[in-house]
Structures are given as structure tokens and as C-alpha cells.
């Protein structure tokens, strides 16, 4: 996934929920800004849940699913 694509979705104002699907089939939903972290280059993002966190390499993202 291109950094520019990620940045566009991640920095939308106001925040809009979205999900990402990875090349291994895993999917992560981001329902609030508090669940999202990213490096400045958007080459790595972070999903922070209530009880867990995941570090995700941007190259493994195959789809961004935006909520309407």
C-alpha cells in the first residue's frame, strides 16, 4: 500500500471509521482515532485495542475499507 493512500485515509477530518485487510487475510477495524498510530513515513501503522496492540507493515496492507 502506498504511503500517500494511507495518509489520506488516516488524516481525514473529521475522523471516519475504516478497516484494513492484510495479505494474510487478517483485518483490523479502526473505529476511533485512539486506535490508530503511524510513523511519519506511514511505512508502519499501529492498531491499539483495549487489550492488545498490533504493529502492521504498510506493505502487507492490500485493502482499505472505508465506512460510509
PDB file of N, CA and C in Angstrom:
ATOM      1  N   UNK A   1       0.854  -1.169   0.000  1.00  0.00           N
ATOM      2  CA  UNK A   1       0.000   0.000   0.000  1.00  0.00           C
ATOM      3  C   UNK A   1       0.899   1.231   0.000  1.00  0.00           C
ATOM      4  N   UNK A   2       0.534   2.212  -0.774  1.00  0.00           N
ATOM      5  CA  UNK A   2       1.304   3.445  -0.875  1.00  0.00           C
ATOM      6  C   UNK A   2       1.093   4.323   0.359  1.00  0.00           C
ATOM      7  N   UNK A   3       2.145   4.957   0.822  1.00  0.00           N
ATOM      8  CA  UNK A   3       2.072   5.836   1.990  1.00  0.00           C
ATOM      9  C   UNK A   3       1.066   6.958   1.781  1.00  0.00           C
ATOM     10  N   UNK A   4       0.987   7.507   0.588  1.00  0.00           N
ATOM     11  CA  UNK A   4       0.047   8.602   0.308  1.00  0.00           C
ATOM     12  C   UNK A   4      -1.397   8.148   0.483  1.00  0.00           C
ATOM     13  N   UNK A   5      -1.697   6.905   0.092  1.00  0.00           N
ATOM     14  CA  UNK A   5      -3.054   6.366   0.264  1.00  0.00           C
ATOM     15  C   UNK A   5      -3.401   6.234   1.741  1.00  0.00           C
ATOM     16  N   UNK A   6      -2.447   5.730   2.517  1.00  0.00           N
ATOM     17  CA  UNK A   6      -2.672   5.574   3.948  1.00  0.00           C
ATOM     18  C   UNK A   6      -2.856   6.928   4.619  1.00  0.00           C
ATOM     19  N   UNK A   7      -1.983   7.859   4.297  1.00  0.00           N
ATOM     20  CA  UNK A   7      -2.043   9.186   4.905  1.00  0.00           C
ATOM     21  C   UNK A   7      -3.388   9.847   4.641  1.00  0.00           C
ATOM     22  N   UNK A   8      -3.888   9.727   3.424  1.00  0.00           N
ATOM     23  CA  UNK A   8      -5.163  10.345   3.066  1.00  0.00           C
ATOM     24  C   UNK A   8      -6.303   9.828   3.947  1.00  0.00           C
ATOM     25  N   UNK A   9      -6.357   8.530   4.151  1.00  0.00           N
ATOM     26  CA  UNK A   9      -7.427   7.942   4.968  1.00  0.00           C
ATOM     27  C   UNK A   9      -7.204   8.232   6.452  1.00  0.00           C
ATOM     28  N   UNK A  10      -5.983   8.111   6.920  1.00  0.00           N
ATOM     29  CA  UNK A  10      -5.696   8.252   8.342  1.00  0.00           C
ATOM     30  C   UNK A  10      -5.881   9.676   8.841  1.00  0.00           C
ATOM     31  N   UNK A  11      -5.643  10.653   7.981  1.00  0.00           N
ATOM     32  CA  UNK A  11      -5.677  12.045   8.435  1.00  0.00           C
ATOM     33  C   UNK A  11      -6.971  12.782   8.073  1.00  0.00           C
ATOM     34  N   UNK A  12      -7.991  12.058   7.631  1.00  0.00           N
ATOM     35  CA  UNK A  12      -9.261  12.716   7.302  1.00  0.00           C
ATOM     36  C   UNK A  12      -9.826  13.406   8.532  1.00  0.00           C
ATOM     37  N   UNK A  13     -10.372  14.592   8.290  1.00  0.00           N
ATOM     38  CA  UNK A  13     -11.007  15.346   9.365  1.00  0.00           C
ATOM     39  C   UNK A  13     -12.416  15.679   8.921  1.00  0.00           C
ATOM     40  N   UNK A  14     -13.418  15.325   9.686  1.00  0.00           N
ATOM     41  CA  UNK A  14     -13.326  14.549  10.921  1.00  0.00           C
ATOM     42  C   UNK A  14     -12.982  13.084  10.635  1.00  0.00           C
ATOM     43  N   UNK A  15     -12.511  12.409  11.667  1.00  0.00           N
ATOM     44  CA  UNK A  15     -12.145  11.002  11.545  1.00  0.00           C
ATOM     45  C   UNK A  15     -13.354  10.189  11.084  1.00  0.00           C
ATOM     46  N   UNK A  16     -13.107   9.261  10.167  1.00  0.00           N
ATOM     47  CA  UNK A  16     -14.150   8.333   9.707  1.00  0.00           C
ATOM     48  C   UNK A  16     -13.649   6.917   9.925  1.00  0.00           C
ATOM     49  N   UNK A  17     -14.457   6.068  10.554  1.00  0.00           N
ATOM     50  CA  UNK A  17     -14.036   4.678  10.786  1.00  0.00           C
ATOM     51  C   UNK A  17     -13.677   3.980   9.478  1.00  0.00           C
ATOM     52  N   UNK A  18     -12.723   3.066   9.566  1.00  0.00           N
ATOM     53  CA  UNK A  18     -12.292   2.290   8.405  1.00  0.00           C
ATOM     54  C   UNK A  18     -11.669   0.996   8.899  1.00  0.00           C
ATOM     55  N   UNK A  19     -11.419   0.101   7.976  1.00  0.00           N
ATOM     56  CA  UNK A  19     -10.735  -1.159   8.280  1.00  0.00           C
ATOM     57  C   UNK A  19      -9.654  -1.364   7.237  1.00  0.00           C
ATOM     58  N   UNK A  20      -8.683  -2.179   7.578  1.00  0.00           N
ATOM     59  CA  UNK A  20      -7.657  -2.575   6.618  1.00  0.00           C
ATOM     60  C   UNK A  20      -7.631  -4.093   6.551  1.00  0.00           C
ATOM     61  N   UNK A  21      -7.347  -4.608   5.381  1.00  0.00           N
ATOM     62  CA  UNK A  21      -7.203  -6.046   5.190  1.00  0.00           C
ATOM     63  C   UNK A  21      -5.764  -6.304   4.766  1.00  0.00           C
ATOM     64  N   UNK A  22      -5.156  -7.317   5.373  1.00  0.00           N
ATOM     65  CA  UNK A  22      -3.760  -7.647   5.113  1.00  0.00           C
ATOM     66  C   UNK A  22      -3.639  -8.804   4.135  1.00  0.00           C
ATOM     67  N   UNK A  23      -2.445  -8.980   3.589  1.00  0.00           N
ATOM     68  CA  UNK A  23      -2.206 -10.045   2.616  1.00  0.00           C
ATOM     69  C   UNK A  23      -2.328 -11.443   3.226  1.00  0.00           C
ATOM     70  N   UNK A  24      -2.354 -11.558   4.545  1.00  0.00           N
ATOM     71  CA  UNK A  24      -2.547 -12.858   5.189  1.00  0.00           C
ATOM     72  C   UNK A  24      -4.011 -13.103   5.556  1.00  0.00           C
ATOM     73  N   UNK A  25      -4.912 -12.178   5.164  1.00  0.00           N
ATOM     74  CA  UNK A  25      -6.341 -12.318   5.434  1.00  0.00           C
ATOM     75  C   UNK A  25      -6.813 -11.640   6.710  1.00  0.00           C
ATOM     76  N   UNK A  26      -5.895 -11.222   7.556  1.00  0.00           N
ATOM     77  CA  UNK A  26      -6.278 -10.542   8.796  1.00  0.00           C
ATOM     78  C   UNK A  26      -6.914  -9.190   8.468  1.00  0.00           C
ATOM     79  N   UNK A  27      -7.807  -8.758   9.340  1.00  0.00           N
ATOM     80  CA  UNK A  27      -8.458  -7.464   9.145  1.00  0.00           C
ATOM     81  C   UNK A  27      -8.493  -6.734  10.488  1.00  0.00           C
ATOM     82  N   UNK A  28      -8.226  -5.440  10.441  1.00  0.00           N
ATOM     83  CA  UNK A  28      -8.252  -4.595  11.628  1.00  0.00           C
ATOM     84  C   UNK A  28      -9.202  -3.442  11.385  1.00  0.00           C
ATOM     85  N   UNK A  29     -10.091  -3.200  12.343  1.00  0.00           N
ATOM     86  CA  UNK A  29     -11.037  -2.084  12.259  1.00  0.00           C
ATOM     87  C   UNK A  29     -10.570  -0.952  13.148  1.00  0.00           C
ATOM     88  N   UNK A  30     -10.645   0.259  12.623  1.00  0.00           N
ATOM     89  CA  UNK A  30     -10.279   1.461  13.356  1.00  0.00           C
ATOM     90  C   UNK A  30     -11.558   2.277  13.528  1.00  0.00           C
ATOM     91  N   UNK A  31     -12.113   2.251  14.735  1.00  0.00           N
ATOM     92  CA  UNK A  31     -13.383   2.911  15.000  1.00  0.00           C
ATOM     93  C   UNK A  31     -13.238   4.270  15.657  1.00  0.00           C
ATOM     94  N   UNK A  32     -12.030   4.592  16.093  1.00  0.00           N
ATOM     95  CA  UNK A  32     -11.755   5.908  16.659  1.00  0.00           C
ATOM     96  C   UNK A  32     -10.283   6.243  16.439  1.00  0.00           C
ATOM     97  N   UNK A  33      -9.971   7.514  16.531  1.00  0.00           N
ATOM     98  CA  UNK A  33      -8.581   7.966  16.342  1.00  0.00           C
ATOM     99  C   UNK A  33      -7.648   7.355  17.374  1.00  0.00           C
ATOM    100  N   UNK A  34      -8.168   7.029  18.542  1.00  0.00           N
ATOM    101  CA  UNK A  34      -7.348   6.473  19.615  1.00  0.00           C
ATOM    102  C   UNK A  34      -6.824   5.077  19.284  1.00  0.00           C
ATOM    103  N   UNK A  35      -7.393   4.435  18.316  1.00  0.00           N
ATOM    104  CA  UNK A  35      -6.964   3.085  17.937  1.00  0.00           C
ATOM    105  C   UNK A  35      -5.874   3.096  16.874  1.00  0.00           C
ATOM    106  N   UNK A  36      -5.449   4.261  16.428  1.00  0.00           N
ATOM    107  CA  UNK A  36      -4.551   4.387  15.287  1.00  0.00           C
ATOM    108  C   UNK A  36      -3.251   5.093  15.650  1.00  0.00           C
ATOM    109  N   UNK A  37      -2.159   4.536  15.169  1.00  0.00           N
ATOM    110  CA  UNK A  37      -0.860   5.180  15.266  1.00  0.00           C
ATOM    111  C   UNK A  37      -0.106   4.920  13.977  1.00  0.00           C
ATOM    112  N   UNK A  38       0.827   5.785  13.632  1.00  0.00           N
ATOM    113  CA  UNK A  38       1.598   5.600  12.401  1.00  0.00           C
ATOM    114  C   UNK A  38       2.932   6.316  12.513  1.00  0.00           C
ATOM    115  N   UNK A  39       3.925   5.806  11.793  1.00  0.00           N
ATOM    116  CA  UNK A  39       5.199   6.509  11.687  1.00  0.00           C
ATOM    117  C   UNK A  39       5.009   7.688  10.730  1.00  0.00           C
ATOM    118  N   UNK A  40       5.925   8.631  10.749  1.00  0.00           N
ATOM    119  CA  UNK A  40       5.817   9.800   9.869  1.00  0.00           C
ATOM    120  C   UNK A  40       5.774   9.415   8.399  1.00  0.00           C
ATOM    121  N   UNK A  41       6.463   8.372   8.030  1.00  0.00           N
ATOM    122  CA  UNK A  41       6.511   7.938   6.636  1.00  0.00           C
ATOM    123  C   UNK A  41       5.355   7.012   6.269  1.00  0.00           C
ATOM    124  N   UNK A  42       4.534   6.651   7.236  1.00  0.00           N
ATOM    125  CA  UNK A  42       3.410   5.726   7.037  1.00  0.00           C
ATOM    126  C   UNK A  42       3.858   4.373   6.486  1.00  0.00           C
ATOM    127  N   UNK A  43       5.082   3.988   6.786  1.00  0.00           N
ATOM    128  CA  UNK A  43       5.546   2.666   6.381  1.00  0.00           C
ATOM    129  C   UNK A  43       5.182   1.605   7.418  1.00  0.00           C
ATOM    130  N   UNK A  44       4.752   2.060   8.580  1.00  0.00           N
ATOM    131  CA  UNK A  44       4.310   1.166   9.638  1.00  0.00           C
ATOM    132  C   UNK A  44       3.160   1.845  10.374  1.00  0.00           C
ATOM    133  N   UNK A  45       2.108   1.068  10.641  1.00  0.00           N
ATOM    134  CA  UNK A  45       0.998   1.616  11.408  1.00  0.00           C
ATOM    135  C   UNK A  45       0.759   0.732  12.620  1.00  0.00           C
ATOM    136  N   UNK A  46      -0.016   1.249  13.542  1.00  0.00           N
ATOM    137  CA  UNK A  46      -0.292   0.543  14.786  1.00  0.00           C
ATOM    138  C   UNK A  46      -1.782   0.547  15.056  1.00  0.00           C
ATOM    139  N   UNK A  47      -2.308  -0.620  15.417  1.00  0.00           N
ATOM    140  CA  UNK A  47      -3.698  -0.736  15.852  1.00  0.00           C
ATOM    141  C   UNK A  47      -3.650  -0.973  17.351  1.00  0.00           C
ATOM    142  N   UNK A  48      -4.298  -0.099  18.106  1.00  0.00           N
ATOM    143  CA  UNK A  48      -4.283  -0.194  19.560  1.00  0.00           C
ATOM    144  C   UNK A  48      -5.697  -0.473  20.037  1.00  0.00           C
ATOM    145  N   UNK A  49      -5.916  -1.667  20.544  1.00  0.00           N
ATOM    146  CA  UNK A  49      -7.216  -2.060  21.068  1.00  0.00           C
ATOM    147  C   UNK A  49      -7.246  -1.903  22.575  1.00  0.00           C
ATOM    148  N   UNK A  50      -8.347  -2.305  23.178  1.00  0.00           N
ATOM    149  CA  UNK A  50      -8.479  -2.197  24.644  1.00  0.00           C
ATOM    150  C   UNK A  50      -7.499  -3.099  25.374  1.00  0.00           C
ATOM    151  N   UNK A  51      -7.226  -4.265  24.800  1.00  0.00           N
ATOM    152  CA  UNK A  51      -6.376  -5.229  25.492  1.00  0.00           C
ATOM    153  C   UNK A  51      -5.191  -5.721  24.676  1.00  0.00           C
ATOM    154  N   UNK A  52      -5.041  -5.184  23.474  1.00  0.00           N
ATOM    155  CA  UNK A  52      -3.936  -5.638  22.638  1.00  0.00           C
ATOM    156  C   UNK A  52      -3.523  -4.539  21.663  1.00  0.00           C
ATOM    157  N   UNK A  53      -2.385  -4.751  21.051  1.00  0.00           N
ATOM    158  CA  UNK A  53      -1.891  -3.817  20.035  1.00  0.00           C
ATOM    159  C   UNK A  53      -1.223  -4.631  18.936  1.00  0.00           C
ATOM    160  N   UNK A  54      -1.231  -4.076  17.732  1.00  0.00           N
ATOM    161  CA  UNK A  54      -0.588  -4.754  16.603  1.00  0.00           C
ATOM    162  C   UNK A  54       0.242  -3.744  15.824  1.00  0.00           C
ATOM    163  N   UNK A  55       1.408  -4.166  15.426  1.00  0.00           N
ATOM    164  CA  UNK A  55       2.271  -3.372  14.550  1.00  0.00           C
ATOM    165  C   UNK A  55       2.114  -3.944  13.149  1.00  0.00           C
ATOM    166  N   UNK A  56       1.771  -3.083  12.178  1.00  0.00           N
ATOM    167  CA  UNK A  56       1.434  -3.543  10.837  1.00  0.00           C
ATOM    168  C   UNK A  56       2.338  -2.864   9.812  1.00  0.00           C
ATOM    169  N   UNK A  57       3.026  -3.659   9.023  1.00  0.00           N
ATOM    170  CA  UNK A  57       3.860  -3.127   7.950  1.00  0.00           C
ATOM    171  C   UNK A  57       2.953  -2.690   6.811  1.00  0.00           C
ATOM    172  N   UNK A  58       3.106  -1.484   6.327  1.00  0.00           N
ATOM    173  CA  UNK A  58       2.241  -0.951   5.267  1.00  0.00           C
ATOM    174  C   UNK A  58       2.283  -1.814   4.009  1.00  0.00           C
ATOM    175  N   UNK A  59       3.389  -2.470   3.742  1.00  0.00           N
ATOM    176  CA  UNK A  59       3.497  -3.329   2.557  1.00  0.00           C
ATOM    177  C   UNK A  59       2.563  -4.537   2.623  1.00  0.00           C
ATOM    178  N   UNK A  60       2.097  -4.886   3.822  1.00  0.00           N
ATOM    179  CA  UNK A  60       1.204  -6.043   3.950  1.00  0.00           C
ATOM    180  C   UNK A  60      -0.271  -5.666   3.811  1.00  0.00           C
ATOM    181  N   UNK A  61      -0.582  -4.381   3.678  1.00  0.00           N
ATOM    182  CA  UNK A  61      -1.970  -3.925   3.536  1.00  0.00           C
ATOM    183  C   UNK A  61      -2.371  -4.045   2.075  1.00  0.00           C
ATOM    184  N   UNK A  62      -3.451  -4.784   1.815  1.00  0.00           N
ATOM    185  CA  UNK A  62      -3.926  -4.968   0.445  1.00  0.00           C
ATOM    186  C   UNK A  62      -5.197  -4.184   0.163  1.00  0.00           C
ATOM    187  N   UNK A  63      -5.897  -3.754   1.228  1.00  0.00           N
ATOM    188  CA  UNK A  63      -7.148  -3.030   1.002  1.00  0.00           C
ATOM    189  C   UNK A  63      -7.475  -2.142   2.203  1.00  0.00           C
ATOM    190  N   UNK A  64      -7.979  -0.973   1.905  1.00  0.00           N
ATOM    191  CA  UNK A  64      -8.542  -0.077   2.922  1.00  0.00           C
ATOM    192  C   UNK A  64     -10.034  -0.044   2.677  1.00  0.00           C
ATOM    193  N   UNK A  65     -10.813  -0.363   3.701  1.00  0.00           N
ATOM    194  CA  UNK A  65     -12.252  -0.433   3.590  1.00  0.00           C
ATOM    195  C   UNK A  65     -12.820   0.738   4.386  1.00  0.00           C
ATOM    196  N   UNK A  66     -13.300   1.749   3.672  1.00  0.00           N
ATOM    197  CA  UNK A  66     -13.828   2.934   4.332  1.00  0.00           C
ATOM    198  C   UNK A  66     -15.309   2.747   4.639  1.00  0.00           C
ATOM    199  N   UNK A  67     -15.706   3.177   5.822  1.00  0.00           N
ATOM    200  CA  UNK A  67     -17.116   3.150   6.213  1.00  0.00           C
ATOM    201  C   UNK A  67     -17.831   4.335   5.610  1.00  0.00           C
ATOM    202  N   UNK A  68     -19.083   4.172   5.318  1.00  0.00           N
ATOM    203  CA  UNK A  68     -19.877   5.273   4.757  1.00  0.00           C
ATOM    204  C   UNK A  68     -20.540   6.078   5.838  1.00  0.00           C
TER     205      UNK A  68
END
